[in-house]
Amino acid sequence: MKLEGKRITLAAPRTVEAGPVTLRLANSSAAPIGVEIIRVDGDQTAAQA
């Protein structure tokens, strides 16, 4: 994760192998930040997800 002024960016792999996955998130900012995790199946666009 990279903080640029008031903008936060997140880097992650485009795909992951099937099976159990461990996802760790850490908030290093002073304010609470929300996150939403979604699953996209198929060739959906971001707008459709």
Protein backbone atom coordinates (compact mmCIF):
# COMPACT_ATOMS: atom_id res chain seq x y z
CA MET A 1 0.00 0.00 0.00
CA LYS A 2 1.30 3.43 -0.85
CA LEU A 3 0.09 6.74 0.58
CA GLU A 4 0.33 9.73 -1.76
CA GLY A 5 -1.01 12.81 0.00
CA LYS A 6 -4.63 11.93 0.79
CA ARG A 7 -4.74 9.13 -1.79
CA ILE A 8 -4.11 5.54 -0.77
CA THR A 9 -3.19 2.91 -3.33
CA LEU A 10 -3.08 -0.85 -2.99
CA ALA A 11 -0.99 -3.27 -4.99
CA ALA A 12 -2.15 -6.86 -5.41
CA PRO A 13 -1.78 -9.68 -7.91
CA ARG A 14 -4.27 -9.69 -10.79
CA THR A 15 -5.16 -13.33 -10.12
CA VAL A 16 -4.57 -15.93 -7.42
CA GLU A 17 -4.56 -19.70 -7.50
CA ALA A 18 -7.74 -21.50 -6.41
CA GLY A 19 -7.89 -22.62 -2.79
CA PRO A 20 -7.52 -21.03 0.62
CA VAL A 21 -5.85 -17.61 0.66
CA THR A 22 -4.58 -15.53 3.55
CA LEU A 23 -5.21 -11.81 3.16
CA ARG A 24 -3.62 -9.42 5.64
CA LEU A 25 -4.47 -5.72 5.71
CA ALA A 26 -2.84 -3.15 7.96
CA ASN A 27 -3.91 0.46 8.37
CA SER A 28 -0.90 2.68 9.02
CA SER A 29 -2.82 5.95 8.75
CA ALA A 30 -4.14 7.94 11.69
CA ALA A 31 -7.76 7.66 10.50
CA PRO A 32 -9.91 4.55 10.11
CA ILE A 33 -10.13 3.32 6.53
CA GLY A 34 -12.76 0.96 5.10
CA VAL A 35 -12.15 -1.77 2.57
CA GLU A 36 -14.45 -3.87 0.42
CA ILE A 37 -13.46 -7.25 -0.97
CA ILE A 38 -15.40 -8.65 -3.89
CA ARG A 39 -15.21 -11.77 -6.00
CA VAL A 40 -15.50 -11.40 -9.76
CA ASP A 41 -16.26 -14.51 -11.81
CA GLY A 42 -15.82 -14.41 -15.56
CA ASP A 43 -15.17 -11.40 -17.78
CA GLN A 44 -17.10 -8.77 -15.83
CA THR A 45 -16.06 -5.15 -15.88
CA ALA A 46 -15.43 -3.19 -12.68
CA ALA A 47 -18.77 -1.41 -13.20
CA GLN A 48 -20.62 -4.74 -13.36
CA ALA A 49 -18.97 -6.03 -10.20
